[in-house]
Amino acid sequence: MSTEQPEWFFCLRHHTVEPEEGCKAADRLGPYSSRAEAERALDKVAERNETWDNDPNWSDDDEDK
């Protein structure tokens, strides 16, 4: 019996959480250490995007022109 914790992934094609034996890596986010963490994958992406969009040190706007 393995003592290693299973890894979980969020499948972008099926919008489901799946174990390592799932869809190809290009269609997934992860790995996550728990199923609950994988279930929040899209929320986490949205939170990070919001943070980056509002980061004053990063901007796609060219204000020097």
C-alpha atoms as a PDB file:
ATOM      1  CA  MET A   1       0.000   0.000   0.000  1.00  0.00           C
ATOM      2  CA  SER A   2       1.373   3.406  -0.965  1.00  0.00           C
ATOM      3  CA  THR A   3       1.745   6.112   1.666  1.00  0.00           C
ATOM      4  CA  GLU A   4       1.834   8.779  -1.026  1.00  0.00           C
ATOM      5  CA  GLN A   5      -1.123  11.180  -1.108  1.00  0.00           C
ATOM      6  CA  PRO A   6      -3.126  11.108  -4.349  1.00  0.00           C
ATOM      7  CA  GLU A   7      -2.981  14.150  -6.581  1.00  0.00           C
ATOM      8  CA  TRP A   8      -6.124  15.742  -7.999  1.00  0.00           C
ATOM      9  CA  PHE A   9      -6.690  17.717 -11.179  1.00  0.00           C
ATOM     10  CA  PHE A  10      -9.437  19.939 -12.560  1.00  0.00           C
ATOM     11  CA  CYS A  11     -10.396  18.959 -16.114  1.00  0.00           C
ATOM     12  CA  LEU A  12     -11.120  22.000 -18.280  1.00  0.00           C
ATOM     13  CA  ARG A  13     -12.934  19.908 -20.901  1.00  0.00           C
ATOM     14  CA  HIS A  14     -15.370  18.217 -18.525  1.00  0.00           C
ATOM     15  CA  HIS A  15     -15.364  20.751 -15.649  1.00  0.00           C
ATOM     16  CA  THR A  16     -14.833  17.952 -13.174  1.00  0.00           C
ATOM     17  CA  VAL A  17     -12.221  16.924 -10.636  1.00  0.00           C
ATOM     18  CA  GLU A  18     -10.316  13.810 -11.584  1.00  0.00           C
ATOM     19  CA  PRO A  19      -7.432  11.709 -10.285  1.00  0.00           C
ATOM     20  CA  GLU A  20      -4.059  11.432 -11.989  1.00  0.00           C
ATOM     21  CA  GLU A  21      -5.466   8.871 -14.419  1.00  0.00           C
ATOM     22  CA  GLY A  22      -7.633  11.316 -16.338  1.00  0.00           C
ATOM     23  CA  CYS A  23      -7.582  13.571 -19.357  1.00  0.00           C
ATOM     24  CA  LYS A  24      -4.342  14.766 -20.938  1.00  0.00           C
ATOM     25  CA  ALA A  25      -2.295  17.379 -19.102  1.00  0.00           C
ATOM     26  CA  ALA A  26      -3.057  20.119 -21.656  1.00  0.00           C
ATOM     27  CA  ASP A  27      -6.728  19.941 -20.623  1.00  0.00           C
ATOM     28  CA  ARG A  28      -6.165  20.092 -16.872  1.00  0.00           C
ATOM     29  CA  LEU A  29      -5.163  22.363 -14.007  1.00  0.00           C
ATOM     30  CA  GLY A  30      -3.140  20.942 -11.174  1.00  0.00           C
ATOM     31  CA  PRO A  31      -1.961  18.928  -9.483  1.00  0.00           C
ATOM     32  CA  TYR A  32      -3.696  19.778  -6.237  1.00  0.00           C
ATOM     33  CA  SER A  33      -3.123  18.053  -2.928  1.00  0.00           C
ATOM     34  CA  SER A  34      -6.819  17.529  -2.191  1.00  0.00           C
ATOM     35  CA  ARG A  35     -10.065  17.055  -4.056  1.00  0.00           C
ATOM     36  CA  ALA A  36     -11.497  20.175  -2.366  1.00  0.00           C
ATOM     37  CA  GLU A  37      -8.559  22.272  -3.559  1.00  0.00           C
ATOM     38  CA  ALA A  38      -9.043  20.998  -7.132  1.00  0.00           C
ATOM     39  CA  GLU A  39     -12.754  21.865  -6.949  1.00  0.00           C
ATOM     40  CA  ARG A  40     -11.755  25.506  -6.346  1.00  0.00           C
ATOM     41  CA  ALA A  41      -9.357  25.614  -9.318  1.00  0.00           C
ATOM     42  CA  LEU A  42     -11.391  28.051 -11.424  1.00  0.00           C
ATOM     43  CA  ASP A  43     -12.076  30.279  -8.412  1.00  0.00           C
ATOM     44  CA  LYS A  44      -8.339  30.387  -7.716  1.00  0.00           C
ATOM     45  CA  VAL A  45      -7.621  31.308 -11.349  1.00  0.00           C
ATOM     46  CA  ALA A  46     -10.187  34.132 -11.185  1.00  0.00           C
ATOM     47  CA  GLU A  47      -8.715  35.414  -7.894  1.00  0.00           C
ATOM     48  CA  ARG A  48      -5.189  35.441  -9.326  1.00  0.00           C
ATOM     49  CA  ASN A  49      -6.315  37.172 -12.507  1.00  0.00           C
ATOM     50  CA  GLU A  50      -8.067  39.846 -10.462  1.00  0.00           C
ATOM     51  CA  THR A  51      -4.928  40.391  -8.391  1.00  0.00           C
ATOM     52  CA  TRP A  52      -2.733  40.640 -11.487  1.00  0.00           C
ATOM     53  CA  ASP A  53      -5.202  42.924 -13.281  1.00  0.00           C
ATOM     54  CA  ASN A  54      -5.039  45.346 -10.367  1.00  0.00           C
ATOM     55  CA  ASP A  55      -1.296  45.141  -9.703  1.00  0.00           C
ATOM     56  CA  PRO A  56       0.162  48.655 -10.114  1.00  0.00           C
ATOM     57  CA  ASN A  57       3.560  47.143 -10.991  1.00  0.00           C
ATOM     58  CA  TRP A  58       2.178  45.315 -14.029  1.00  0.00           C
ATOM     59  CA  SER A  59       0.219  46.854 -16.841  1.00  0.00           C
ATOM     60  CA  ASP A  60      -0.343  46.172 -20.529  1.00  0.00           C
ATOM     61  CA  ASP A  61      -1.120  49.855 -21.024  1.00  0.00           C
ATOM     62  CA  ASP A  62       1.764  51.771 -22.552  1.00  0.00           C
ATOM     63  CA  GLU A  63       1.564  54.983 -20.552  1.00  0.00           C
ATOM     64  CA  ASP A  64       4.923  56.289 -21.837  1.00  0.00           C
ATOM     65  CA  LYS A  65       3.603  57.071 -25.331  1.00  0.00           C
END
